[in-house]
Amino acid sequence: MGNNYKFVQNSKCEFFPCHDMKDTEKFNCLFCYCPLYMMGEDCGGNFKYTDHGIKDCSGCLLPHTKDVGYDHIQKKMMSVIEQVQEEYLNKKK
């Protein structure tokens, strides 16, 4: 089985590429909006906070990196799933 599901590119998008990247052929659009935004500092990406407390991910290429992004996000999402499961089980007690 291939890994084609891990990579999608929409080079016709008016925002493509939405981040500066040297090799745009490897720019992955699969996670156009990063699902790890809600993890705050635990996302593992290159971000900063604005003076108003908004997370600025414009310097982050992690979800858009062809060979790394998908696997990183899936691993982090497992920790989100575990956290939600733990919260649910604690409520049942």
N, C-alpha and C. Protein backbone atom coordinates (compact mmCIF):
# COMPACT_ATOMS: atom_id res chain seq x y z
N MET A 1 0.84 -1.18 0.00
CA MET A 1 0.00 0.00 0.00
C MET A 1 0.88 1.24 0.00
N GLY A 2 0.53 2.19 -0.81
CA GLY A 2 1.30 3.43 -0.87
C GLY A 2 0.93 4.39 0.23
N ASN A 3 1.51 5.53 0.19
CA ASN A 3 1.24 6.58 1.18
C ASN A 3 0.64 7.83 0.52
N ASN A 4 -0.07 7.64 -0.56
CA ASN A 4 -0.62 8.79 -1.29
C ASN A 4 -1.60 9.60 -0.46
N TYR A 5 -2.26 8.99 0.50
CA TYR A 5 -3.21 9.69 1.36
C TYR A 5 -2.53 10.71 2.28
N LYS A 6 -1.22 10.64 2.40
CA LYS A 6 -0.48 11.54 3.28
C LYS A 6 -0.09 12.86 2.62
N PHE A 7 -0.36 12.99 1.33
CA PHE A 7 0.10 14.17 0.61
C PHE A 7 -0.96 14.66 -0.37
N VAL A 8 -1.30 15.93 -0.28
CA VAL A 8 -2.23 16.58 -1.21
C VAL A 8 -1.66 17.95 -1.51
N GLN A 9 -1.69 18.32 -2.77
CA GLN A 9 -1.21 19.66 -3.11
C GLN A 9 -2.22 20.35 -4.02
N ASN A 10 -2.56 21.57 -3.67
CA ASN A 10 -3.46 22.38 -4.48
C ASN A 10 -2.69 23.61 -4.95
N SER A 11 -1.92 23.43 -5.99
CA SER A 11 -1.08 24.53 -6.49
C SER A 11 -1.91 25.62 -7.17
N LYS A 12 -3.20 25.37 -7.41
CA LYS A 12 -4.07 26.37 -8.00
C LYS A 12 -4.73 27.25 -6.94
N CYS A 13 -4.52 26.94 -5.67
CA CYS A 13 -5.07 27.74 -4.59
C CYS A 13 -4.48 29.15 -4.65
N GLU A 14 -5.32 30.15 -4.45
CA GLU A 14 -4.84 31.53 -4.53
C GLU A 14 -3.84 31.88 -3.42
N PHE A 15 -3.72 31.03 -2.40
CA PHE A 15 -2.78 31.28 -1.32
C PHE A 15 -1.54 30.39 -1.40
N PHE A 16 -1.45 29.55 -2.44
CA PHE A 16 -0.34 28.60 -2.55
C PHE A 16 0.95 29.29 -2.96
N PRO A 17 2.04 29.00 -2.32
CA PRO A 17 2.13 28.35 -1.01
C PRO A 17 1.86 29.37 0.09
N CYS A 18 1.19 28.96 1.12
CA CYS A 18 0.81 29.89 2.19
C CYS A 18 1.96 30.18 3.15
N HIS A 19 3.03 29.42 3.05
CA HIS A 19 4.25 29.64 3.84
C HIS A 19 5.43 29.64 2.88
N ASP A 20 6.47 30.37 3.23
CA ASP A 20 7.68 30.38 2.40
C ASP A 20 8.37 29.03 2.50
N MET A 21 8.61 28.43 1.36
CA MET A 21 9.29 27.13 1.31
C MET A 21 10.08 27.08 0.01
N LYS A 22 11.32 26.62 0.10
CA LYS A 22 12.17 26.58 -1.08
C LYS A 22 11.65 25.60 -2.13
N ASP A 23 11.33 24.38 -1.72
CA ASP A 23 10.91 23.34 -2.66
C ASP A 23 9.39 23.18 -2.60
N THR A 24 8.67 23.97 -3.39
CA THR A 24 7.21 23.95 -3.32
C THR A 24 6.61 22.65 -3.86
N GLU A 25 7.40 21.85 -4.59
CA GLU A 25 6.90 20.56 -5.06
C GLU A 25 6.62 19.62 -3.89
N LYS A 26 7.25 19.86 -2.74
CA LYS A 26 7.05 19.03 -1.56
C LYS A 26 6.11 19.69 -0.55
N PHE A 27 5.47 20.79 -0.94
CA PHE A 27 4.57 21.50 -0.04
C PHE A 27 3.25 20.74 0.06
N ASN A 28 2.90 20.31 1.27
CA ASN A 28 1.72 19.51 1.52
C ASN A 28 0.56 20.38 2.00
N CYS A 29 -0.53 20.36 1.27
CA CYS A 29 -1.72 21.15 1.62
C CYS A 29 -2.75 20.34 2.41
N LEU A 30 -2.44 19.09 2.73
CA LEU A 30 -3.41 18.23 3.39
C LEU A 30 -3.97 18.86 4.66
N PHE A 31 -3.10 19.44 5.46
CA PHE A 31 -3.53 20.11 6.69
C PHE A 31 -3.47 21.62 6.46
N CYS A 32 -4.36 22.10 5.63
CA CYS A 32 -4.40 23.52 5.31
C CYS A 32 -4.51 24.34 6.58
N TYR A 33 -5.37 23.92 7.47
CA TYR A 33 -5.46 24.51 8.81
C TYR A 33 -4.96 23.46 9.77
N CYS A 34 -3.95 23.78 10.52
CA CYS A 34 -3.30 22.79 11.38
C CYS A 34 -4.23 22.32 12.50
N PRO A 35 -4.45 21.01 12.59
CA PRO A 35 -5.29 20.48 13.66
C PRO A 35 -4.61 20.53 15.03
N LEU A 36 -3.36 20.93 15.07
CA LEU A 36 -2.64 20.99 16.35
C LEU A 36 -2.65 22.37 16.97
N TYR A 37 -3.30 23.32 16.33
CA TYR A 37 -3.35 24.69 16.85
C TYR A 37 -3.83 24.70 18.30
N MET A 38 -4.84 23.90 18.59
CA MET A 38 -5.44 23.90 19.93
C MET A 38 -4.52 23.32 21.00
N MET A 39 -3.41 22.73 20.60
CA MET A 39 -2.49 22.16 21.58
C MET A 39 -1.57 23.21 22.20
N GLY A 40 -1.65 24.43 21.72
CA GLY A 40 -0.80 25.49 22.26
C GLY A 40 0.67 25.15 22.11
N GLU A 41 1.40 25.26 23.19
CA GLU A 41 2.86 25.04 23.16
C GLU A 41 3.25 23.59 22.95
N ASP A 42 2.31 22.67 23.06
CA ASP A 42 2.62 21.24 22.92
C ASP A 42 2.52 20.74 21.48
N CYS A 43 2.26 21.62 20.52
CA CYS A 43 2.08 21.18 19.13
C CYS A 43 3.37 20.67 18.50
N GLY A 44 4.50 21.22 18.92
CA GLY A 44 5.78 20.79 18.37
C GLY A 44 6.23 21.60 17.16
N GLY A 45 5.46 22.60 16.79
CA GLY A 45 5.80 23.40 15.62
C GLY A 45 6.55 24.67 15.96
N ASN A 46 6.94 25.39 14.92
CA ASN A 46 7.67 26.64 15.06
C ASN A 46 6.66 27.80 15.03
N PHE A 47 6.28 28.28 16.19
CA PHE A 47 5.28 29.33 16.28
C PHE A 47 5.72 30.36 17.30
N LYS A 48 4.96 31.44 17.38
CA LYS A 48 5.17 32.44 18.43
C LYS A 48 3.80 33.00 18.78
N TYR A 49 3.73 33.68 19.88
CA TYR A 49 2.49 34.34 20.28
C TYR A 49 2.60 35.83 20.01
N THR A 50 1.52 36.42 19.54
CA THR A 50 1.49 37.86 19.32
C THR A 50 1.32 38.55 20.68
N ASP A 51 1.46 39.85 20.68
CA ASP A 51 1.26 40.61 21.92
C ASP A 51 -0.15 40.46 22.47
N HIS A 52 -1.09 40.05 21.61
CA HIS A 52 -2.48 39.88 22.03
C HIS A 52 -2.80 38.43 22.40
N GLY A 53 -1.77 37.56 22.47
CA GLY A 53 -1.98 36.18 22.86
C GLY A 53 -2.48 35.27 21.77
N ILE A 54 -2.38 35.70 20.52
CA ILE A 54 -2.80 34.87 19.38
C ILE A 54 -1.60 34.06 18.91
N LYS A 55 -1.82 32.79 18.69
CA LYS A 55 -0.76 31.91 18.21
C LYS A 55 -0.51 32.20 16.73
N ASP A 56 0.71 32.58 16.40
CA ASP A 56 1.11 32.90 15.03
C ASP A 56 1.94 31.75 14.48
N CYS A 57 1.38 31.00 13.57
CA CYS A 57 2.04 29.82 13.01
C CYS A 57 2.64 30.09 11.62
N SER A 58 2.74 31.35 11.25
CA SER A 58 3.22 31.67 9.90
C SER A 58 4.65 31.20 9.65
N GLY A 59 5.44 30.97 10.69
CA GLY A 59 6.80 30.48 10.53
C GLY A 59 6.91 28.97 10.61
N CYS A 60 5.80 28.27 10.67
CA CYS A 60 5.81 26.82 10.85
C CYS A 60 5.51 26.09 9.54
N LEU A 61 6.37 25.17 9.19
CA LEU A 61 6.18 24.34 8.00
C LEU A 61 5.83 22.89 8.36
N LEU A 62 5.80 22.57 9.63
CA LEU A 62 5.62 21.18 10.06
C LEU A 62 4.44 20.48 9.39
N PRO A 63 3.22 21.02 9.42
CA PRO A 63 2.12 20.28 8.78
C PRO A 63 2.22 20.26 7.25
N HIS A 64 3.08 21.09 6.68
CA HIS A 64 3.20 21.19 5.23
C HIS A 64 4.42 20.46 4.68
N THR A 65 5.15 19.76 5.55
CA THR A 65 6.36 19.06 5.14
C THR A 65 6.00 17.64 4.70
N LYS A 66 6.29 17.33 3.48
CA LYS A 66 5.83 16.08 2.85
C LYS A 66 6.19 14.83 3.64
N ASP A 67 7.40 14.67 4.06
CA ASP A 67 7.82 13.41 4.66
C ASP A 67 7.70 13.34 6.17
N VAL A 68 7.33 14.43 6.82
CA VAL A 68 7.32 14.46 8.28
C VAL A 68 5.96 14.86 8.85
N GLY A 69 5.31 15.81 8.22
CA GLY A 69 4.11 16.43 8.77
C GLY A 69 2.99 15.48 9.13
N TYR A 70 2.60 14.60 8.21
CA TYR A 70 1.48 13.70 8.46
C TYR A 70 1.72 12.84 9.69
N ASP A 71 2.88 12.21 9.75
CA ASP A 71 3.18 11.31 10.87
C ASP A 71 3.24 12.07 12.19
N HIS A 72 3.80 13.26 12.18
CA HIS A 72 3.88 14.07 13.40
C HIS A 72 2.47 14.41 13.89
N ILE A 73 1.62 14.84 12.99
CA ILE A 73 0.26 15.23 13.38
C ILE A 73 -0.52 14.02 13.88
N GLN A 74 -0.39 12.88 13.24
CA GLN A 74 -1.10 11.69 13.70
C GLN A 74 -0.65 11.27 15.10
N LYS A 75 0.65 11.36 15.35
CA LYS A 75 1.16 11.02 16.68
C LYS A 75 0.61 11.98 17.74
N LYS A 76 0.62 13.26 17.44
CA LYS A 76 0.11 14.26 18.38
C LYS A 76 -1.40 14.11 18.59
N MET A 77 -2.13 13.76 17.54
CA MET A 77 -3.58 13.58 17.67
C MET A 77 -3.90 12.39 18.56
N MET A 78 -3.03 11.40 18.60
CA MET A 78 -3.25 10.28 19.51
C MET A 78 -3.20 10.76 20.96
N SER A 79 -2.34 11.72 21.26
CA SER A 79 -2.29 12.25 22.62
C SER A 79 -3.56 13.04 22.94
N VAL A 80 -4.13 13.71 21.93
CA VAL A 80 -5.40 14.42 22.12
C VAL A 80 -6.51 13.42 22.40
N ILE A 81 -6.55 12.35 21.64
CA ILE A 81 -7.56 11.30 21.83
C ILE A 81 -7.44 10.70 23.23
N GLU A 82 -6.23 10.43 23.66
CA GLU A 82 -6.02 9.86 25.00
C GLU A 82 -6.47 10.83 26.09
N GLN A 83 -6.22 12.11 25.90
CA GLN A 83 -6.63 13.11 26.88
C GLN A 83 -8.15 13.19 26.98
N VAL A 84 -8.82 13.19 25.85
CA VAL A 84 -10.28 13.24 25.84
C VAL A 84 -10.86 11.98 26.47
N GLN A 85 -10.26 10.84 26.16
CA GLN A 85 -10.71 9.58 26.74
C GLN A 85 -10.54 9.59 28.26
N GLU A 86 -9.41 10.07 28.73
CA GLU A 86 -9.15 10.14 30.17
C GLU A 86 -10.16 11.06 30.86
N GLU A 87 -10.44 12.21 30.26
CA GLU A 87 -11.42 13.14 30.83
C GLU A 87 -12.81 12.49 30.89
N TYR A 88 -13.18 11.76 29.86
CA TYR A 88 -14.46 11.08 29.83
C TYR A 88 -14.55 10.02 30.92
N LEU A 89 -13.51 9.21 31.04
CA LEU A 89 -13.52 8.15 32.04
C LEU A 89 -13.53 8.71 33.45
N ASN A 90 -12.85 9.85 33.67
CA ASN A 90 -12.86 10.48 34.99
C ASN A 90 -14.23 11.03 35.34
N LYS A 91 -14.99 11.47 34.36
CA LYS A 91 -16.35 11.97 34.60
C LYS A 91 -17.29 10.85 34.99
N LYS A 92 -17.03 9.65 34.50
CA LYS A 92 -17.90 8.51 34.79
C LYS A 92 -17.73 8.00 36.22
N LYS A 93 -16.64 8.36 36.87
CA LYS A 93 -16.35 7.85 38.23
C LYS A 93 -17.24 8.50 39.25
